[in-house]
């Protein structure tokens, strides 16, 4: 298993709260981790939506409140 920051750490300067928190780190198998970074965009977006569904309330409790669309835009920037 590999850890993945759903919202990339390079975006830390745009947030008042730390992104290096449990709520922002997901555990992925190596295949899924590669897919979320380098896969076909549609597959990446599906994975990111699932991560948002599973983590939105944890992120909000940590002071990171994002809509699903905002989260997708930020999380998908990791593939760039």
C-alpha atoms as a PDB file:
ATOM      1  CA  UNK A   1       0.000   0.000   0.000  1.00  0.00           C
ATOM      2  CA  UNK A   2       1.072   3.552  -0.735  1.00  0.00           C
ATOM      3  CA  UNK A   3       0.025   6.866   0.761  1.00  0.00           C
ATOM      4  CA  UNK A   4      -1.376   9.595  -1.475  1.00  0.00           C
ATOM      5  CA  UNK A   5      -2.179  13.200  -0.577  1.00  0.00           C
ATOM      6  CA  UNK A   6      -5.609  13.788  -2.122  1.00  0.00           C
ATOM      7  CA  UNK A   7      -4.941  17.529  -2.234  1.00  0.00           C
ATOM      8  CA  UNK A   8      -1.320  17.834  -3.367  1.00  0.00           C
ATOM      9  CA  UNK A   9       1.157  19.204  -0.834  1.00  0.00           C
ATOM     10  CA  UNK A  10       2.450  21.691  -3.408  1.00  0.00           C
ATOM     11  CA  UNK A  11      -0.854  23.552  -2.858  1.00  0.00           C
ATOM     12  CA  UNK A  12      -0.137  24.063   0.864  1.00  0.00           C
ATOM     13  CA  UNK A  13       0.548  27.822   0.473  1.00  0.00           C
ATOM     14  CA  UNK A  14      -3.081  28.344  -0.602  1.00  0.00           C
ATOM     15  CA  UNK A  15      -4.486  26.772   2.579  1.00  0.00           C
ATOM     16  CA  UNK A  16      -4.524  28.100   6.133  1.00  0.00           C
ATOM     17  CA  UNK A  17      -4.657  24.577   7.553  1.00  0.00           C
ATOM     18  CA  UNK A  18      -2.070  21.859   7.048  1.00  0.00           C
ATOM     19  CA  UNK A  19      -2.627  19.451   4.164  1.00  0.00           C
ATOM     20  CA  UNK A  20      -0.319  16.897   5.758  1.00  0.00           C
ATOM     21  CA  UNK A  21      -3.109  15.412   7.868  1.00  0.00           C
ATOM     22  CA  UNK A  22      -4.810  12.035   8.100  1.00  0.00           C
ATOM     23  CA  UNK A  23      -7.972  13.331   6.419  1.00  0.00           C
ATOM     24  CA  UNK A  24      -5.992  14.262   3.293  1.00  0.00           C
ATOM     25  CA  UNK A  25      -3.955  11.066   3.047  1.00  0.00           C
ATOM     26  CA  UNK A  26      -5.463   7.993   1.438  1.00  0.00           C
ATOM     27  CA  UNK A  27      -4.001   4.521   1.214  1.00  0.00           C
ATOM     28  CA  UNK A  28      -3.902   3.158  -2.336  1.00  0.00           C
ATOM     29  CA  UNK A  29      -2.523   0.014  -3.900  1.00  0.00           C
ATOM     30  CA  UNK A  30       0.388   0.747  -6.273  1.00  0.00           C
ATOM     31  CA  UNK A  31      -1.802   0.240  -9.346  1.00  0.00           C
ATOM     32  CA  UNK A  32      -4.462   2.709  -8.149  1.00  0.00           C
ATOM     33  CA  UNK A  33      -1.799   5.173  -7.058  1.00  0.00           C
ATOM     34  CA  UNK A  34      -0.335   5.185 -10.569  1.00  0.00           C
ATOM     35  CA  UNK A  35      -3.834   5.450 -12.017  1.00  0.00           C
ATOM     36  CA  UNK A  36      -4.719   8.520  -9.944  1.00  0.00           C
ATOM     37  CA  UNK A  37      -1.524  10.242 -11.130  1.00  0.00           C
ATOM     38  CA  UNK A  38      -1.120   8.991 -14.696  1.00  0.00           C
ATOM     39  CA  UNK A  39      -4.334   7.256 -15.721  1.00  0.00           C
ATOM     40  CA  UNK A  40      -7.004   8.191 -18.193  1.00  0.00           C
ATOM     41  CA  UNK A  41      -8.688  11.384 -16.968  1.00  0.00           C
ATOM     42  CA  UNK A  42     -12.162   9.833 -16.669  1.00  0.00           C
ATOM     43  CA  UNK A  43     -10.840   7.056 -14.440  1.00  0.00           C
ATOM     44  CA  UNK A  44      -8.904   9.583 -12.333  1.00  0.00           C
ATOM     45  CA  UNK A  45     -12.005  11.720 -11.846  1.00  0.00           C
ATOM     46  CA  UNK A  46     -14.055   8.685 -10.788  1.00  0.00           C
ATOM     47  CA  UNK A  47     -11.413   7.809  -8.194  1.00  0.00           C
ATOM     48  CA  UNK A  48     -11.220  11.407  -6.969  1.00  0.00           C
ATOM     49  CA  UNK A  49     -15.016  11.552  -6.576  1.00  0.00           C
ATOM     50  CA  UNK A  50     -14.890   8.409  -4.442  1.00  0.00           C
ATOM     51  CA  UNK A  51     -12.097   9.863  -2.319  1.00  0.00           C
ATOM     52  CA  UNK A  52     -14.144  13.054  -1.852  1.00  0.00           C
ATOM     53  CA  UNK A  53     -17.205  11.039  -0.848  1.00  0.00           C
ATOM     54  CA  UNK A  54     -15.146   9.161   1.748  1.00  0.00           C
ATOM     55  CA  UNK A  55     -13.128  12.130   3.047  1.00  0.00           C
ATOM     56  CA  UNK A  56     -15.194  15.336   2.725  1.00  0.00           C
ATOM     57  CA  UNK A  57     -16.470  15.314   6.309  1.00  0.00           C
ATOM     58  CA  UNK A  58     -13.020  14.482   7.726  1.00  0.00           C
ATOM     59  CA  UNK A  59     -11.483  17.307   5.713  1.00  0.00           C
ATOM     60  CA  UNK A  60     -14.226  19.704   6.867  1.00  0.00           C
ATOM     61  CA  UNK A  61     -13.602  18.699  10.496  1.00  0.00           C
ATOM     62  CA  UNK A  62      -9.953  19.609   9.890  1.00  0.00           C
ATOM     63  CA  UNK A  63     -10.890  23.050   8.556  1.00  0.00           C
ATOM     64  CA  UNK A  64     -10.646  22.201   4.857  1.00  0.00           C
ATOM     65  CA  UNK A  65     -14.076  22.823   3.369  1.00  0.00           C
ATOM     66  CA  UNK A  66     -14.365  22.266  -0.370  1.00  0.00           C
ATOM     67  CA  UNK A  67     -17.190  21.509  -2.752  1.00  0.00           C
ATOM     68  CA  UNK A  68     -16.867  18.324  -4.770  1.00  0.00           C
ATOM     69  CA  UNK A  69     -15.977  20.339  -7.887  1.00  0.00           C
ATOM     70  CA  UNK A  70     -13.290  22.315  -6.031  1.00  0.00           C
ATOM     71  CA  UNK A  71     -11.861  19.099  -4.603  1.00  0.00           C
ATOM     72  CA  UNK A  72     -11.789  17.443  -8.026  1.00  0.00           C
ATOM     73  CA  UNK A  73     -10.002  20.413  -9.578  1.00  0.00           C
ATOM     74  CA  UNK A  74      -7.376  20.460  -6.833  1.00  0.00           C
ATOM     75  CA  UNK A  75      -6.908  16.703  -6.610  1.00  0.00           C
ATOM     76  CA  UNK A  76      -6.736  16.295 -10.384  1.00  0.00           C
ATOM     77  CA  UNK A  77      -3.940  18.874 -10.521  1.00  0.00           C
ATOM     78  CA  UNK A  78      -1.673  16.142  -9.091  1.00  0.00           C
ATOM     79  CA  UNK A  79      -1.772  14.506 -12.522  1.00  0.00           C
ATOM     80  CA  UNK A  80      -0.321  17.562 -14.227  1.00  0.00           C
END
